Amino acid sequence: MAAVPNEWEVVPNCGVRRTGENVFPSTVVVTEEVLPEGMTLERYVANSIEIIRRLLPEPNIKGPDAFAFPEVEQAQRLEVAYKSSDERSVVQRQIYTLAAGQVGIVTFTTVAEEASHVSGAFRMIGGGLRFAKKDSAKPAP
């Protein structure tokens, strides 16, 4: 991860989180795993949507849509909105990438009322992300 904005902190082996008083701890979580043999990225994303529908209360899901992401073979984007247990409107953007048999997933999460305040930080963080085409299961810095 190349850029971490002010008022954000690195969460080792996970991603970054917004810090500060009276702010929602918005996050960018990065994960990577091997695409199961015989599965397409489309099927992987469809499976993720099924899991989201089981875990979240009445999620509003837009997508998946094709998405441009540097140095990957394919990428798709989902927009997910739902109410948290304390009735806050949570919004997520999930980006799924495929490169050399590895699925990379970036999940941007915040609450609706703070989305405009963190959108620039999300763009900065997302613009610095790259998934390496190698055997490692760790995203490239």
Protein backbone atom coordinates (compact mmCIF):
# COMPACT_ATOMS: atom_id res chain seq x y z
CA MET A 1 0.00 0.00 0.00
CA ALA A 2 1.74 3.13 -1.19
CA ALA A 3 -0.22 5.95 0.42
CA VAL A 4 -1.78 6.25 3.87
CA PRO A 5 -3.60 9.56 4.38
CA ASN A 6 -3.27 11.67 7.53
CA GLU A 7 -5.62 10.53 10.28
CA TRP A 8 -5.48 6.94 9.03
CA GLU A 9 -3.44 4.10 10.52
CA VAL A 10 -2.13 0.82 9.14
CA VAL A 11 -3.74 -2.29 10.62
CA PRO A 12 -1.06 -4.98 10.14
CA ASN A 13 -2.04 -7.86 7.85
CA CYS A 14 -5.42 -6.26 7.19
CA GLY A 15 -5.46 -2.77 5.68
CA VAL A 16 -5.99 0.74 7.03
CA ARG A 17 -8.46 2.44 9.38
CA ARG A 18 -9.50 6.03 9.91
CA THR A 19 -8.68 7.39 13.35
CA GLY A 20 -9.75 10.45 15.25
CA GLU A 21 -12.34 11.66 17.67
CA ASN A 22 -16.03 11.64 16.74
CA VAL A 23 -15.47 9.84 13.44
CA PHE A 24 -16.58 6.45 12.24
CA PRO A 25 -13.56 4.12 11.93
CA SER A 26 -13.86 3.76 8.15
CA THR A 27 -11.70 0.95 6.80
CA VAL A 28 -9.99 -0.36 3.71
CA VAL A 29 -9.44 -4.10 4.07
CA VAL A 30 -7.25 -6.00 1.61
CA THR A 31 -7.28 -9.79 1.25
CA GLU A 32 -5.98 -12.27 -1.28
CA GLU A 33 -6.51 -15.97 -1.86
CA VAL A 34 -6.08 -18.60 -4.55
CA LEU A 35 -9.04 -18.89 -6.93
CA PRO A 36 -10.43 -22.40 -6.47
CA GLU A 37 -9.67 -24.67 -9.42
CA GLY A 38 -12.31 -24.52 -12.14
CA MET A 39 -13.95 -21.38 -10.72
CA THR A 40 -14.23 -18.09 -12.59
CA LEU A 41 -14.03 -14.66 -11.01
CA GLU A 42 -17.70 -14.20 -11.89
CA ARG A 43 -18.66 -17.33 -9.91
CA TYR A 44 -16.42 -16.25 -7.02
CA VAL A 45 -18.19 -12.87 -6.85
CA ALA A 46 -21.61 -14.56 -7.14
CA ASN A 47 -20.67 -16.79 -4.17
CA SER A 48 -19.63 -13.68 -2.23
CA ILE A 49 -23.01 -12.08 -2.94
CA GLU A 50 -24.77 -15.18 -1.58
CA ILE A 51 -22.69 -14.92 1.61
CA ILE A 52 -23.43 -11.19 1.93
CA ARG A 53 -27.16 -11.87 1.62
CA ARG A 54 -26.95 -14.48 4.41
CA LEU A 55 -24.84 -12.35 6.78
CA LEU A 56 -26.22 -8.83 6.40
CA PRO A 57 -29.73 -7.62 7.21
CA GLU A 58 -31.47 -6.68 3.95
CA PRO A 59 -28.42 -5.62 1.96
CA ASN A 60 -28.88 -3.41 -1.07
CA ILE A 61 -26.39 -4.75 -3.63
CA LYS A 62 -25.51 -3.07 -6.91
CA GLY A 63 -23.38 -4.95 -9.39
CA PRO A 64 -21.24 -6.76 -10.08
CA ASP A 65 -19.86 -4.49 -12.77
CA ALA A 66 -16.64 -4.75 -14.77
CA PHE A 67 -13.99 -2.50 -13.25
CA ALA A 68 -10.57 -1.27 -14.42
CA PHE A 69 -7.76 -2.10 -11.97
CA PRO A 70 -4.05 -1.86 -12.82
CA GLU A 71 -2.02 -4.96 -13.68
CA VAL A 72 -4.78 -7.56 -13.29
CA GLU A 73 -6.48 -9.84 -15.81
CA GLN A 74 -10.00 -9.02 -14.67
CA ALA A 75 -11.81 -6.99 -11.99
CA GLN A 76 -15.38 -6.56 -10.78
CA ARG A 77 -16.99 -4.10 -8.39
CA LEU A 78 -19.91 -4.39 -5.99
CA GLU A 79 -21.65 -1.63 -4.06
CA VAL A 80 -23.26 -2.83 -0.83
CA ALA A 81 -25.42 -0.82 1.57
CA TYR A 82 -27.05 -2.05 4.75
CA LYS A 83 -28.15 -0.99 8.24
CA SER A 84 -25.79 -1.80 11.10
CA SER A 85 -27.00 -3.21 14.42
CA ASP A 86 -27.15 0.39 15.74
CA GLU A 87 -29.25 1.43 12.69
CA ARG A 88 -26.51 3.38 10.91
CA SER A 89 -26.43 3.26 7.12
CA VAL A 90 -23.22 1.46 6.17
CA VAL A 91 -21.86 1.62 2.63
CA GLN A 92 -19.20 -0.59 1.08
CA ARG A 93 -17.41 -0.78 -2.22
CA GLN A 94 -15.89 -4.18 -2.87
CA ILE A 95 -13.42 -4.69 -5.69
CA TYR A 96 -12.52 -8.23 -6.76
CA THR A 97 -9.46 -8.74 -8.96
CA LEU A 98 -7.95 -11.75 -10.69
CA ALA A 99 -4.26 -12.07 -11.51
CA ALA A 100 -2.27 -15.27 -12.03
CA GLY A 101 -4.86 -17.43 -10.28
CA GLN A 102 -5.08 -15.15 -7.22
CA VAL A 103 -8.23 -13.29 -6.20
CA GLY A 104 -7.55 -9.94 -4.57
CA ILE A 105 -10.35 -8.25 -2.67
CA VAL A 106 -10.40 -4.64 -1.52
CA THR A 107 -13.31 -3.59 0.70
CA PHE A 108 -13.88 0.10 1.43
CA THR A 109 -16.33 0.59 4.33
CA THR A 110 -17.82 3.70 5.94
CA VAL A 111 -21.17 5.09 7.04
CA ALA A 112 -23.31 7.06 4.61
CA GLU A 113 -23.08 10.33 6.54
CA GLU A 114 -19.26 10.27 6.34
CA ALA A 115 -18.90 8.97 2.77
CA SER A 116 -18.19 12.40 1.30
CA HIS A 117 -15.53 13.05 3.96
CA VAL A 118 -13.58 9.86 3.25
CA SER A 119 -14.03 9.58 -0.52
CA GLY A 120 -10.74 11.40 -1.22
CA ALA A 121 -8.85 9.15 1.21
CA PHE A 122 -10.46 6.08 -0.36
CA ARG A 123 -9.31 7.26 -3.81
CA MET A 124 -5.78 7.89 -2.52
CA ILE A 125 -5.54 4.48 -0.87
CA GLY A 126 -7.15 2.64 -3.78
CA GLY A 127 -4.90 4.41 -6.28
CA GLY A 128 -1.83 3.07 -4.48
CA LEU A 129 -2.94 -0.56 -4.36
CA ARG A 130 -1.51 -3.28 -6.60
CA PHE A 131 -1.92 -7.02 -6.43
CA ALA A 132 1.29 -8.82 -7.34
CA LYS A 133 1.38 -11.57 -9.93
CA LYS A 134 3.37 -14.01 -7.81
CA ASP A 135 2.94 -17.02 -5.56
CA SER A 136 2.72 -14.91 -2.40
CA ALA A 137 -0.65 -14.55 -0.71
CA LYS A 138 0.20 -10.98 0.35
CA PRO A 139 -0.79 -7.85 -1.59
CA ALA A 140 2.12 -5.87 -3.00
CA PRO A 141 3.00 -2.59 -1.29
